[in-house]
């Protein structure tokens, strides 16, 4: 199982930073490359400044399938943001799927 990183910014331009107090969305792709379906049974976040739009617990990733999920990011500090969400599937070959979240956050929102 793999995931794409969530590289966050408002305009889609990597040089456009996100502001403290603002919010942005990003889409991540979750991919199950195995022959077994996997259900997400737990989640751990490195920061409360971001989350999935829909709770991923109980989400099922079919065998050999890709699905996308939206994240919402609300940064609290300026500077580089690099955080992670760990998804824990009930999968016989993999116990954790890491989703990396990256952004550059500038000062206070206007």
C-alpha atoms as a PDB file:
ATOM      1  CA  UNK A   1       0.000   0.000   0.000  1.00  0.00           C
ATOM      2  CA  UNK A   2       1.276   3.468  -0.873  1.00  0.00           C
ATOM      3  CA  UNK A   3       0.178   7.094  -0.673  1.00  0.00           C
ATOM      4  CA  UNK A   4       1.059  10.281  -2.499  1.00  0.00           C
ATOM      5  CA  UNK A   5       2.340  13.203  -0.391  1.00  0.00           C
ATOM      6  CA  UNK A   6       0.034  16.147   0.230  1.00  0.00           C
ATOM      7  CA  UNK A   7       1.945  19.198  -1.025  1.00  0.00           C
ATOM      8  CA  UNK A   8      -0.272  22.049   0.085  1.00  0.00           C
ATOM      9  CA  UNK A   9      -0.775  25.558  -1.207  1.00  0.00           C
ATOM     10  CA  UNK A  10      -3.767  27.625  -2.242  1.00  0.00           C
ATOM     11  CA  UNK A  11      -3.241  28.220  -5.942  1.00  0.00           C
ATOM     12  CA  UNK A  12      -1.586  24.991  -6.977  1.00  0.00           C
ATOM     13  CA  UNK A  13       1.662  26.924  -7.487  1.00  0.00           C
ATOM     14  CA  UNK A  14       4.390  25.493  -5.224  1.00  0.00           C
ATOM     15  CA  UNK A  15       5.700  29.018  -4.582  1.00  0.00           C
ATOM     16  CA  UNK A  16       2.417  30.249  -3.079  1.00  0.00           C
ATOM     17  CA  UNK A  17       2.556  29.872   0.713  1.00  0.00           C
ATOM     18  CA  UNK A  18      -0.339  29.215   3.049  1.00  0.00           C
ATOM     19  CA  UNK A  19      -0.978  31.792   5.805  1.00  0.00           C
ATOM     20  CA  UNK A  20      -1.235  31.136   9.539  1.00  0.00           C
ATOM     21  CA  UNK A  21      -4.934  31.174  10.422  1.00  0.00           C
ATOM     22  CA  UNK A  22      -5.923  30.328   6.843  1.00  0.00           C
ATOM     23  CA  UNK A  23      -6.868  26.958   5.446  1.00  0.00           C
ATOM     24  CA  UNK A  24      -6.152  24.912   2.354  1.00  0.00           C
ATOM     25  CA  UNK A  25      -7.152  21.593   0.876  1.00  0.00           C
ATOM     26  CA  UNK A  26      -5.047  18.874  -0.641  1.00  0.00           C
ATOM     27  CA  UNK A  27      -5.843  15.519  -2.182  1.00  0.00           C
ATOM     28  CA  UNK A  28      -3.906  12.354  -1.460  1.00  0.00           C
ATOM     29  CA  UNK A  29      -4.104   9.104  -3.345  1.00  0.00           C
ATOM     30  CA  UNK A  30      -4.137   5.859  -1.376  1.00  0.00           C
ATOM     31  CA  UNK A  31      -3.207   2.780  -3.362  1.00  0.00           C
ATOM     32  CA  UNK A  32      -3.526  -0.868  -2.446  1.00  0.00           C
ATOM     33  CA  UNK A  33      -1.166  -2.836  -4.691  1.00  0.00           C
ATOM     34  CA  UNK A  34      -1.849  -6.169  -3.018  1.00  0.00           C
ATOM     35  CA  UNK A  35      -4.324  -8.939  -3.793  1.00  0.00           C
ATOM     36  CA  UNK A  36      -6.089  -8.366  -0.454  1.00  0.00           C
ATOM     37  CA  UNK A  37      -8.600  -5.650   0.439  1.00  0.00           C
ATOM     38  CA  UNK A  38      -7.643  -3.515   3.437  1.00  0.00           C
ATOM     39  CA  UNK A  39      -9.860  -1.656   5.902  1.00  0.00           C
ATOM     40  CA  UNK A  40      -8.458   1.288   7.869  1.00  0.00           C
ATOM     41  CA  UNK A  41      -8.889   0.518  11.575  1.00  0.00           C
ATOM     42  CA  UNK A  42      -6.934   3.388  13.166  1.00  0.00           C
ATOM     43  CA  UNK A  43      -5.361   6.803  12.590  1.00  0.00           C
ATOM     44  CA  UNK A  44      -2.527   8.727  14.304  1.00  0.00           C
ATOM     45  CA  UNK A  45      -1.711  12.367  13.483  1.00  0.00           C
ATOM     46  CA  UNK A  46       1.517  14.211  14.227  1.00  0.00           C
ATOM     47  CA  UNK A  47      -0.415  17.514  14.473  1.00  0.00           C
ATOM     48  CA  UNK A  48      -4.007  18.652  14.944  1.00  0.00           C
ATOM     49  CA  UNK A  49      -3.545  21.335  12.274  1.00  0.00           C
ATOM     50  CA  UNK A  50      -4.780  18.992   9.518  1.00  0.00           C
ATOM     51  CA  UNK A  51      -7.192  16.133   8.998  1.00  0.00           C
ATOM     52  CA  UNK A  52      -9.092  14.216   6.362  1.00  0.00           C
ATOM     53  CA  UNK A  53     -12.409  15.793   5.296  1.00  0.00           C
ATOM     54  CA  UNK A  54     -14.049  12.422   5.926  1.00  0.00           C
ATOM     55  CA  UNK A  55     -13.004  10.119   8.758  1.00  0.00           C
ATOM     56  CA  UNK A  56     -10.803   7.415   7.200  1.00  0.00           C
ATOM     57  CA  UNK A  57     -11.580   4.816   9.889  1.00  0.00           C
ATOM     58  CA  UNK A  58     -13.580   1.970   8.301  1.00  0.00           C
ATOM     59  CA  UNK A  59     -12.522   3.082   4.808  1.00  0.00           C
ATOM     60  CA  UNK A  60     -11.954   0.015   2.627  1.00  0.00           C
ATOM     61  CA  UNK A  61      -9.235  -0.030  -0.013  1.00  0.00           C
ATOM     62  CA  UNK A  62     -10.130  -2.797  -2.472  1.00  0.00           C
ATOM     63  CA  UNK A  63      -7.392  -5.058  -3.809  1.00  0.00           C
ATOM     64  CA  UNK A  64      -5.388  -3.475  -6.678  1.00  0.00           C
ATOM     65  CA  UNK A  65      -7.298  -0.197  -6.316  1.00  0.00           C
ATOM     66  CA  UNK A  66      -6.621   3.526  -5.909  1.00  0.00           C
ATOM     67  CA  UNK A  67      -8.806   5.978  -4.049  1.00  0.00           C
ATOM     68  CA  UNK A  68      -8.404   9.674  -3.322  1.00  0.00           C
ATOM     69  CA  UNK A  69      -9.220  11.503  -0.118  1.00  0.00           C
ATOM     70  CA  UNK A  70      -9.201  15.227   0.687  1.00  0.00           C
ATOM     71  CA  UNK A  71      -7.260  16.795   3.547  1.00  0.00           C
ATOM     72  CA  UNK A  72      -7.928  20.153   5.216  1.00  0.00           C
ATOM     73  CA  UNK A  73      -4.922  22.021   6.615  1.00  0.00           C
ATOM     74  CA  UNK A  74      -5.197  24.898   9.139  1.00  0.00           C
ATOM     75  CA  UNK A  75      -1.643  25.901  10.149  1.00  0.00           C
ATOM     76  CA  UNK A  76      -0.964  27.544  13.512  1.00  0.00           C
ATOM     77  CA  UNK A  77       2.699  28.579  13.000  1.00  0.00           C
ATOM     78  CA  UNK A  78       4.697  30.114  10.177  1.00  0.00           C
ATOM     79  CA  UNK A  79       7.569  28.356   8.430  1.00  0.00           C
ATOM     80  CA  UNK A  80       7.902  24.939   6.812  1.00  0.00           C
ATOM     81  CA  UNK A  81       5.189  22.465   7.732  1.00  0.00           C
ATOM     82  CA  UNK A  82       6.020  18.792   7.449  1.00  0.00           C
ATOM     83  CA  UNK A  83       3.644  16.513   9.306  1.00  0.00           C
ATOM     84  CA  UNK A  84       2.343  12.978   8.926  1.00  0.00           C
ATOM     85  CA  UNK A  85      -0.834  10.964   9.295  1.00  0.00           C
ATOM     86  CA  UNK A  86      -0.399   7.243   9.896  1.00  0.00           C
ATOM     87  CA  UNK A  87      -3.248   5.010   8.760  1.00  0.00           C
ATOM     88  CA  UNK A  88      -3.403   1.536  10.266  1.00  0.00           C
ATOM     89  CA  UNK A  89      -4.984  -1.084   7.975  1.00  0.00           C
ATOM     90  CA  UNK A  90      -6.123  -4.588   8.861  1.00  0.00           C
ATOM     91  CA  UNK A  91      -3.842  -5.865   6.130  1.00  0.00           C
ATOM     92  CA  UNK A  92      -1.888  -9.135   6.367  1.00  0.00           C
ATOM     93  CA  UNK A  93       1.245  -7.634   4.764  1.00  0.00           C
ATOM     94  CA  UNK A  94       1.314  -4.029   5.970  1.00  0.00           C
ATOM     95  CA  UNK A  95       0.591  -2.532   9.360  1.00  0.00           C
ATOM     96  CA  UNK A  96       0.966   1.197   8.660  1.00  0.00           C
ATOM     97  CA  UNK A  97       0.503   3.592   5.742  1.00  0.00           C
ATOM     98  CA  UNK A  98       2.124   7.034   6.170  1.00  0.00           C
ATOM     99  CA  UNK A  99       0.648  10.124   4.476  1.00  0.00           C
ATOM    100  CA  UNK A 100       3.096  13.057   4.457  1.00  0.00           C
ATOM    101  CA  UNK A 101       1.758  16.629   4.550  1.00  0.00           C
ATOM    102  CA  UNK A 102       4.054  19.470   3.408  1.00  0.00           C
ATOM    103  CA  UNK A 103       3.548  23.214   3.018  1.00  0.00           C
ATOM    104  CA  UNK A 104       5.263  26.530   3.536  1.00  0.00           C
ATOM    105  CA  UNK A 105       3.319  28.755   5.922  1.00  0.00           C
ATOM    106  CA  UNK A 106       3.777  32.524   5.975  1.00  0.00           C
ATOM    107  CA  UNK A 107       2.740  34.937   8.765  1.00  0.00           C
ATOM    108  CA  UNK A 108      -0.786  35.790   9.896  1.00  0.00           C
ATOM    109  CA  UNK A 109      -3.728  35.596   7.463  1.00  0.00           C
ATOM    110  CA  UNK A 110      -5.126  38.917   6.230  1.00  0.00           C
END
